[in-house]
C-alpha atoms as a PDB file:
ATOM      1  CA  MET A   1      36.869 146.471 -81.877  1.00  0.00           C
ATOM      2  CA  ALA A   2      37.014 142.951 -83.343  1.00  0.00           C
ATOM      3  CA  ASN A   3      40.768 143.182 -83.880  1.00  0.00           C
ATOM      4  CA  SER A   4      41.686 144.354 -80.388  1.00  0.00           C
ATOM      5  CA  PRO A   5      44.087 142.102 -78.411  1.00  0.00           C
ATOM      6  CA  SER A   6      41.359 141.089 -75.953  1.00  0.00           C
ATOM      7  CA  GLN A   7      38.825 140.006 -78.618  1.00  0.00           C
ATOM      8  CA  PRO A   8      39.501 137.598 -81.498  1.00  0.00           C
ATOM      9  CA  ALA A   9      38.360 138.454 -84.995  1.00  0.00           C
ATOM     10  CA  ALA A  10      34.864 137.243 -85.846  1.00  0.00           C
ATOM     11  CA  ASN A  11      36.124 134.693 -88.379  1.00  0.00           C
ATOM     12  CA  THR A  12      38.839 133.197 -86.101  1.00  0.00           C
ATOM     13  CA  PRO A  13      37.968 129.684 -84.868  1.00  0.00           C
ATOM     14  CA  ALA A  14      37.932 129.282 -81.095  1.00  0.00           C
ATOM     15  CA  VAL A  15      40.087 126.118 -81.204  1.00  0.00           C
ATOM     16  CA  PRO A  16      42.358 125.244 -84.121  1.00  0.00           C
ATOM     17  CA  THR A  17      41.234 122.132 -86.003  1.00  0.00           C
ATOM     18  CA  SER A  18      44.575 120.410 -85.482  1.00  0.00           C
ATOM     19  CA  ASN A  19      44.132 120.626 -81.697  1.00  0.00           C
ATOM     20  CA  VAL A  20      40.681 119.042 -81.945  1.00  0.00           C
ATOM     21  CA  VAL A  21      42.134 116.153 -83.948  1.00  0.00           C
ATOM     22  CA  GLU A  22      45.007 115.744 -81.464  1.00  0.00           C
ATOM     23  CA  VAL A  23      42.603 115.676 -78.507  1.00  0.00           C
ATOM     24  CA  HIS A  24      40.436 113.093 -80.272  1.00  0.00           C
ATOM     25  CA  MET A  25      43.486 110.933 -81.037  1.00  0.00           C
ATOM     26  CA  LEU A  26      44.660 111.211 -77.423  1.00  0.00           C
ATOM     27  CA  LYS A  27      41.233 110.128 -76.162  1.00  0.00           C
ATOM     28  CA  MET A  28      41.265 107.157 -78.540  1.00  0.00           C
ATOM     29  CA  ARG A  29      44.778 106.179 -77.406  1.00  0.00           C
ATOM     30  CA  MET A  30      43.783 106.430 -73.739  1.00  0.00           C
ATOM     31  CA  LYS A  31      40.714 104.254 -74.389  1.00  0.00           C
ATOM     32  CA  ARG A  32      42.894 101.642 -76.140  1.00  0.00           C
ATOM     33  CA  PHE A  33      45.284 101.580 -73.161  1.00  0.00           C
ATOM     34  CA  THR A  34      42.377 101.267 -70.745  1.00  0.00           C
ATOM     35  CA  ASP A  35      40.810  98.475 -72.819  1.00  0.00           C
ATOM     36  CA  ARG A  36      44.163  96.682 -73.031  1.00  0.00           C
ATOM     37  CA  GLY A  37      44.528  96.890 -69.252  1.00  0.00           C
ATOM     38  CA  ASP A  38      40.989  95.615 -68.730  1.00  0.00           C
ATOM     39  CA  ARG A  39      41.643  92.660 -71.042  1.00  0.00           C
ATOM     40  CA  ALA A  40      44.905  91.878 -69.216  1.00  0.00           C
ATOM     41  CA  VAL A  41      43.134  91.883 -65.847  1.00  0.00           C
ATOM     42  CA  GLN A  42      40.403  89.632 -67.246  1.00  0.00           C
ATOM     43  CA  ARG A  43      42.972  87.223 -68.688  1.00  0.00           C
ATOM     44  CA  LEU A  44      44.874  87.102 -65.402  1.00  0.00           C
ATOM     45  CA  THR A  45      41.621  86.323 -63.596  1.00  0.00           C
ATOM     46  CA  GLU A  46      40.993  83.464 -66.029  1.00  0.00           C
ATOM     47  CA  ILE A  47      44.520  82.099 -65.491  1.00  0.00           C
ATOM     48  CA  ARG A  48      44.095  82.205 -61.708  1.00  0.00           C
ATOM     49  CA  ALA A  49      40.746  80.405 -62.020  1.00  0.00           C
ATOM     50  CA  SER A  50      42.345  77.754 -64.257  1.00  0.00           C
ATOM     51  CA  ILE A  51      45.058  77.092 -61.676  1.00  0.00           C
ATOM     52  CA  THR A  52      42.478  76.938 -58.887  1.00  0.00           C
ATOM     53  CA  ASN A  53      40.460  74.390 -60.892  1.00  0.00           C
ATOM     54  CA  LEU A  54      43.394  72.006 -61.431  1.00  0.00           C
ATOM     55  CA  SER A  55      43.370  68.643 -59.705  1.00  0.00           C
ATOM     56  CA  ASN A  56      46.031  68.163 -57.026  1.00  0.00           C
ATOM     57  CA  ASP A  57      48.166  66.021 -59.347  1.00  0.00           C
ATOM     58  CA  ASP A  58      48.005  68.568 -62.165  1.00  0.00           C
ATOM     59  CA  LEU A  59      48.738  71.410 -59.753  1.00  0.00           C
ATOM     60  CA  LEU A  60      51.795  69.552 -58.461  1.00  0.00           C
ATOM     61  CA  ASP A  61      52.958  68.984 -62.047  1.00  0.00           C
ATOM     62  CA  LEU A  62      52.571  72.700 -62.805  1.00  0.00           C
ATOM     63  CA  ALA A  63      54.434  73.675 -59.645  1.00  0.00           C
ATOM     64  CA  ASP A  64      57.220  71.231 -60.497  1.00  0.00           C
ATOM     65  CA  ILE A  65      57.635  72.840 -63.919  1.00  0.00           C
ATOM     66  CA  PHE A  66      57.934  76.330 -62.413  1.00  0.00           C
ATOM     67  CA  LYS A  67      59.802  75.549 -59.181  1.00  0.00           C
ATOM     68  CA  ALA A  68      63.142  77.112 -60.243  1.00  0.00           C
ATOM     69  CA  LYS A  69      64.066  80.373 -58.518  1.00  0.00           C
ATOM     70  CA  PRO A  70      63.257  83.073 -59.276  1.00  0.00           C
ATOM     71  CA  ARG A  71      59.801  81.731 -59.963  1.00  0.00           C
ATOM     72  CA  PRO A  72      57.707  83.332 -62.683  1.00  0.00           C
ATOM     73  CA  PRO A  73      54.263  84.626 -61.686  1.00  0.00           C
ATOM     74  CA  ILE A  74      52.528  81.427 -62.808  1.00  0.00           C
ATOM     75  CA  GLY A  75      54.803  79.451 -60.497  1.00  0.00           C
ATOM     76  CA  ASP A  76      53.952  81.768 -57.631  1.00  0.00           C
ATOM     77  CA  MET A  77      50.252  81.246 -58.347  1.00  0.00           C
ATOM     78  CA  ALA A  78      50.726  77.471 -58.350  1.00  0.00           C
ATOM     79  CA  PHE A  79      52.649  77.522 -55.064  1.00  0.00           C
ATOM     80  CA  ASP A  80      50.062  79.852 -53.492  1.00  0.00           C
ATOM     81  CA  GLU A  81      47.312  77.431 -54.484  1.00  0.00           C
ATOM     82  CA  MET A  82      49.327  74.507 -53.110  1.00  0.00           C
ATOM     83  CA  ALA A  83      49.698  76.338 -49.779  1.00  0.00           C
ATOM     84  CA  ARG A  84      45.970  77.007 -49.739  1.00  0.00           C
ATOM     85  CA  ARG A  85      45.308  73.279 -50.257  1.00  0.00           C
ATOM     86  CA  ASP A  86      48.041  72.323 -47.802  1.00  0.00           C
ATOM     87  CA  ILE A  87      49.922  70.142 -50.303  1.00  0.00           C
ATOM     88  CA  SER A  88      53.583  70.208 -51.300  1.00  0.00           C
ATOM     89  CA  LEU A  89      55.989  68.750 -53.830  1.00  0.00           C
END
């Protein structure tokens, strides 16, 4: 009965090798994307900390550089920090 439609032959692999390789590659790709995202979050945290650690004069200089509308994210961070410190250009 090994060749019946409900039972595979004894020498038939349960999962084709190519599928195993594809699954492994997909897992590796997903891990790379996750790692890339984790590194981006870490880098953004470091940038925010750098802006927070600026002196008032340096923060004002940074805000002046990025004051044009629409402001890039670093400009928004600088202006948020200025608001927190209650200083302005």
